[in-house]
Amino acid sequence: QVQLVESGGGLVQAGGSLRLSCAASGRALSSYVMGWFRQAPGKEREFVADISRGGFNTYYEDAVKGRFTISRDNAKKTVYLQMNSLKPEDTDVYYCAARECGGRSSADFGSWGQGTQVTVSS
């Protein structure tokens, strides 16, 4: 098992940047594909990005492609989400997650952090 704790959320103006961090403990981070999701109240959790175990491959949802960058440092057991050119519609609770197998559905990720709030003002 792996335990995940997000940090780095906050309030930022539209056009600004934030970097989210996800600190992992337990099993080696290299055991997992790591992902970021976001969720608004009353809505289904939405996939944002993921990164392969070795960090060589990344995938982004269209809404964030070109603005967000997911990265990982397996030695530090940390995953990052650099968010640039933020828009008010990016306002959500952001979660990091880990999966050993499966796809990009939230149901395929077995370990989740508690979430960190990102609020983008207009």
C-alpha atoms as a PDB file:
ATOM      1  CA  GLN A   1       0.000   0.000   0.000  1.00  0.00           C
ATOM      2  CA  VAL A   2       0.950   3.608  -0.462  1.00  0.00           C
ATOM      3  CA  GLN A   3      -0.288   6.618   1.466  1.00  0.00           C
ATOM      4  CA  LEU A   4      -0.618   9.977  -0.274  1.00  0.00           C
ATOM      5  CA  VAL A   5      -0.782  13.533   1.034  1.00  0.00           C
ATOM      6  CA  GLU A   6      -1.359  16.516  -1.246  1.00  0.00           C
ATOM      7  CA  SER A   7      -0.194  20.048  -0.622  1.00  0.00           C
ATOM      8  CA  GLY A   8       0.259  23.294  -2.500  1.00  0.00           C
ATOM      9  CA  GLY A   9      -3.316  24.304  -3.159  1.00  0.00           C
ATOM     10  CA  GLY A  10      -4.562  27.787  -2.517  1.00  0.00           C
ATOM     11  CA  LEU A  11      -6.089  30.908  -3.981  1.00  0.00           C
ATOM     12  CA  VAL A  12      -4.613  32.345  -7.151  1.00  0.00           C
ATOM     13  CA  GLN A  13      -5.643  34.908  -9.732  1.00  0.00           C
ATOM     14  CA  ALA A  14      -6.613  33.852 -13.226  1.00  0.00           C
ATOM     15  CA  GLY A  15      -3.486  33.504 -15.308  1.00  0.00           C
ATOM     16  CA  GLY A  16      -1.396  32.603 -12.301  1.00  0.00           C
ATOM     17  CA  SER A  17       0.376  29.400 -11.362  1.00  0.00           C
ATOM     18  CA  LEU A  18       0.419  26.837  -8.597  1.00  0.00           C
ATOM     19  CA  ARG A  19       2.447  23.707  -8.034  1.00  0.00           C
ATOM     20  CA  LEU A  20       0.755  20.851  -6.248  1.00  0.00           C
ATOM     21  CA  SER A  21       2.806  18.198  -4.503  1.00  0.00           C
ATOM     22  CA  CYS A  22       1.848  14.689  -3.509  1.00  0.00           C
ATOM     23  CA  ALA A  23       4.058  13.059  -0.895  1.00  0.00           C
ATOM     24  CA  ALA A  24       3.942   9.276  -0.761  1.00  0.00           C
ATOM     25  CA  SER A  25       4.870   6.835   1.945  1.00  0.00           C
ATOM     26  CA  GLY A  26       4.836   3.065   2.105  1.00  0.00           C
ATOM     27  CA  ARG A  27       5.789   1.058  -0.966  1.00  0.00           C
ATOM     28  CA  ALA A  28       8.230   2.420  -3.496  1.00  0.00           C
ATOM     29  CA  LEU A  29       6.624   5.047  -5.681  1.00  0.00           C
ATOM     30  CA  SER A  30       7.997   3.327  -8.780  1.00  0.00           C
ATOM     31  CA  SER A  31       5.444   0.568  -8.210  1.00  0.00           C
ATOM     32  CA  TYR A  32       2.643   2.864  -9.321  1.00  0.00           C
ATOM     33  CA  VAL A  33       1.311   4.856 -12.181  1.00  0.00           C
ATOM     34  CA  MET A  34       0.453   8.176 -10.553  1.00  0.00           C
ATOM     35  CA  GLY A  35      -2.422  10.424 -11.459  1.00  0.00           C
ATOM     36  CA  TRP A  36      -4.116  13.672 -10.603  1.00  0.00           C
ATOM     37  CA  PHE A  37      -7.886  14.097 -10.502  1.00  0.00           C
ATOM     38  CA  ARG A  38     -10.175  16.980  -9.630  1.00  0.00           C
ATOM     39  CA  GLN A  39     -13.696  17.179  -8.322  1.00  0.00           C
ATOM     40  CA  ALA A  40     -16.304  19.867  -7.799  1.00  0.00           C
ATOM     41  CA  PRO A  41     -19.179  19.467  -5.326  1.00  0.00           C
ATOM     42  CA  GLY A  42     -21.925  17.310  -6.763  1.00  0.00           C
ATOM     43  CA  LYS A  43     -19.854  16.234  -9.747  1.00  0.00           C
ATOM     44  CA  GLU A  44     -17.992  13.069 -10.597  1.00  0.00           C
ATOM     45  CA  ARG A  45     -14.267  12.994 -10.012  1.00  0.00           C
ATOM     46  CA  GLU A  46     -12.497  13.974 -13.230  1.00  0.00           C
ATOM     47  CA  PHE A  47      -9.210  12.702 -14.583  1.00  0.00           C
ATOM     48  CA  VAL A  48      -6.578  15.404 -15.078  1.00  0.00           C
ATOM     49  CA  ALA A  49      -3.244  13.732 -15.834  1.00  0.00           C
ATOM     50  CA  ASP A  50      -1.143  10.686 -15.153  1.00  0.00           C
ATOM     51  CA  ILE A  51       2.482   9.664 -15.433  1.00  0.00           C
ATOM     52  CA  SER A  52       4.100   6.305 -16.018  1.00  0.00           C
ATOM     53  CA  ARG A  53       6.137   4.516 -13.379  1.00  0.00           C
ATOM     54  CA  GLY A  54       9.460   5.657 -14.781  1.00  0.00           C
ATOM     55  CA  GLY A  55       8.220   9.133 -15.639  1.00  0.00           C
ATOM     56  CA  PHE A  56       8.787   8.764 -19.370  1.00  0.00           C
ATOM     57  CA  ASN A  57       5.157   8.991 -20.472  1.00  0.00           C
ATOM     58  CA  THR A  58       2.464  11.450 -19.501  1.00  0.00           C
ATOM     59  CA  TYR A  59      -1.156  11.930 -20.480  1.00  0.00           C
ATOM     60  CA  TYR A  60      -3.436  14.937 -19.990  1.00  0.00           C
ATOM     61  CA  GLU A  61      -7.103  15.662 -20.403  1.00  0.00           C
ATOM     62  CA  ASP A  62      -7.753  18.140 -23.180  1.00  0.00           C
ATOM     63  CA  ALA A  63      -8.842  20.939 -20.864  1.00  0.00           C
ATOM     64  CA  VAL A  64      -5.424  21.161 -19.214  1.00  0.00           C
ATOM     65  CA  LYS A  65      -3.127  20.070 -22.016  1.00  0.00           C
ATOM     66  CA  GLY A  66      -0.423  22.657 -22.616  1.00  0.00           C
ATOM     67  CA  ARG A  67      -1.045  24.348 -19.269  1.00  0.00           C
ATOM     68  CA  PHE A  68      -0.434  21.621 -16.689  1.00  0.00           C
ATOM     69  CA  THR A  69       2.622  19.412 -16.305  1.00  0.00           C
ATOM     70  CA  ILE A  70       2.772  16.253 -14.230  1.00  0.00           C
ATOM     71  CA  SER A  71       6.153  15.032 -13.023  1.00  0.00           C
ATOM     72  CA  ARG A  72       7.550  12.648 -10.465  1.00  0.00           C
ATOM     73  CA  ASP A  73      10.644  12.107  -8.379  1.00  0.00           C
ATOM     74  CA  ASN A  74      10.659   8.493  -7.299  1.00  0.00           C
ATOM     75  CA  ALA A  75      13.691   8.958  -5.057  1.00  0.00           C
ATOM     76  CA  LYS A  76      11.846  11.676  -3.135  1.00  0.00           C
ATOM     77  CA  LYS A  77       8.584   9.718  -3.380  1.00  0.00           C
ATOM     78  CA  THR A  78       6.825  12.826  -4.625  1.00  0.00           C
ATOM     79  CA  VAL A  79       4.555  13.628  -7.568  1.00  0.00           C
ATOM     80  CA  TYR A  80       3.963  17.155  -8.797  1.00  0.00           C
ATOM     81  CA  LEU A  81       1.371  18.976 -10.825  1.00  0.00           C
ATOM     82  CA  GLN A  82       2.588  22.292 -12.172  1.00  0.00           C
ATOM     83  CA  MET A  83      -0.432  24.384 -13.137  1.00  0.00           C
ATOM     84  CA  ASN A  84       0.112  27.450 -15.297  1.00  0.00           C
ATOM     85  CA  SER A  85      -2.290  29.876 -16.944  1.00  0.00           C
ATOM     86  CA  LEU A  86      -4.952  28.956 -14.440  1.00  0.00           C
ATOM     87  CA  LYS A  87      -8.582  29.670 -15.249  1.00  0.00           C
ATOM     88  CA  PRO A  88     -11.591  30.047 -12.946  1.00  0.00           C
ATOM     89  CA  GLU A  89     -12.945  26.779 -14.316  1.00  0.00           C
ATOM     90  CA  ASP A  90      -9.892  25.034 -12.853  1.00  0.00           C
ATOM     91  CA  THR A  91     -11.328  25.677  -9.392  1.00  0.00           C
ATOM     92  CA  ASP A  92     -11.748  22.274  -7.762  1.00  0.00           C
ATOM     93  CA  VAL A  93     -10.423  19.971  -5.106  1.00  0.00           C
ATOM     94  CA  TYR A  94      -7.399  18.213  -6.573  1.00  0.00           C
ATOM     95  CA  TYR A  95      -6.478  14.672  -5.606  1.00  0.00           C
ATOM     96  CA  CYS A  96      -3.437  12.563  -6.308  1.00  0.00           C
ATOM     97  CA  ALA A  97      -3.895   8.855  -6.766  1.00  0.00           C
ATOM     98  CA  ALA A  98      -1.917   5.674  -7.392  1.00  0.00           C
ATOM     99  CA  ARG A  99      -2.695   2.590  -9.414  1.00  0.00           C
ATOM    100  CA  GLU A 100      -0.874  -0.671 -10.024  1.00  0.00           C
ATOM    101  CA  CYS A 101      -2.997  -1.746 -12.978  1.00  0.00           C
ATOM    102  CA  GLY A 102      -6.036  -0.667 -14.938  1.00  0.00           C
ATOM    103  CA  GLY A 103      -6.929   2.456 -16.867  1.00  0.00           C
ATOM    104  CA  ARG A 104      -7.651   6.104 -16.245  1.00  0.00           C
ATOM    105  CA  SER A 105     -10.991   5.748 -14.551  1.00  0.00           C
ATOM    106  CA  SER A 106     -11.050   6.836 -10.934  1.00  0.00           C
ATOM    107  CA  ALA A 107     -12.158   3.296 -10.094  1.00  0.00           C
ATOM    108  CA  ASP A 108      -8.822   1.972 -11.356  1.00  0.00           C
ATOM    109  CA  PHE A 109      -6.838   3.957  -8.788  1.00  0.00           C
ATOM    110  CA  GLY A 110      -6.613   2.212  -5.453  1.00  0.00           C
ATOM    111  CA  SER A 111      -4.911   4.820  -3.277  1.00  0.00           C
ATOM    112  CA  TRP A 112      -5.991   8.433  -2.860  1.00  0.00           C
ATOM    113  CA  GLY A 113      -4.885  11.513  -1.030  1.00  0.00           C
ATOM    114  CA  GLN A 114      -7.215  13.723   0.965  1.00  0.00           C
ATOM    115  CA  GLY A 115      -7.294  16.473  -1.628  1.00  0.00           C
ATOM    116  CA  THR A 116      -6.156  20.061  -1.772  1.00  0.00           C
ATOM    117  CA  GLN A 117      -8.371  23.000  -2.711  1.00  0.00           C
ATOM    118  CA  VAL A 118      -7.447  25.104  -5.716  1.00  0.00           C
ATOM    119  CA  THR A 119      -9.421  28.312  -6.193  1.00  0.00           C
ATOM    120  CA  VAL A 120      -8.843  30.564  -9.189  1.00  0.00           C
ATOM    121  CA  SER A 121     -10.336  34.029  -8.997  1.00  0.00           C
ATOM    122  CA  SER A 122     -11.375  36.059 -12.010  1.00  0.00           C
END
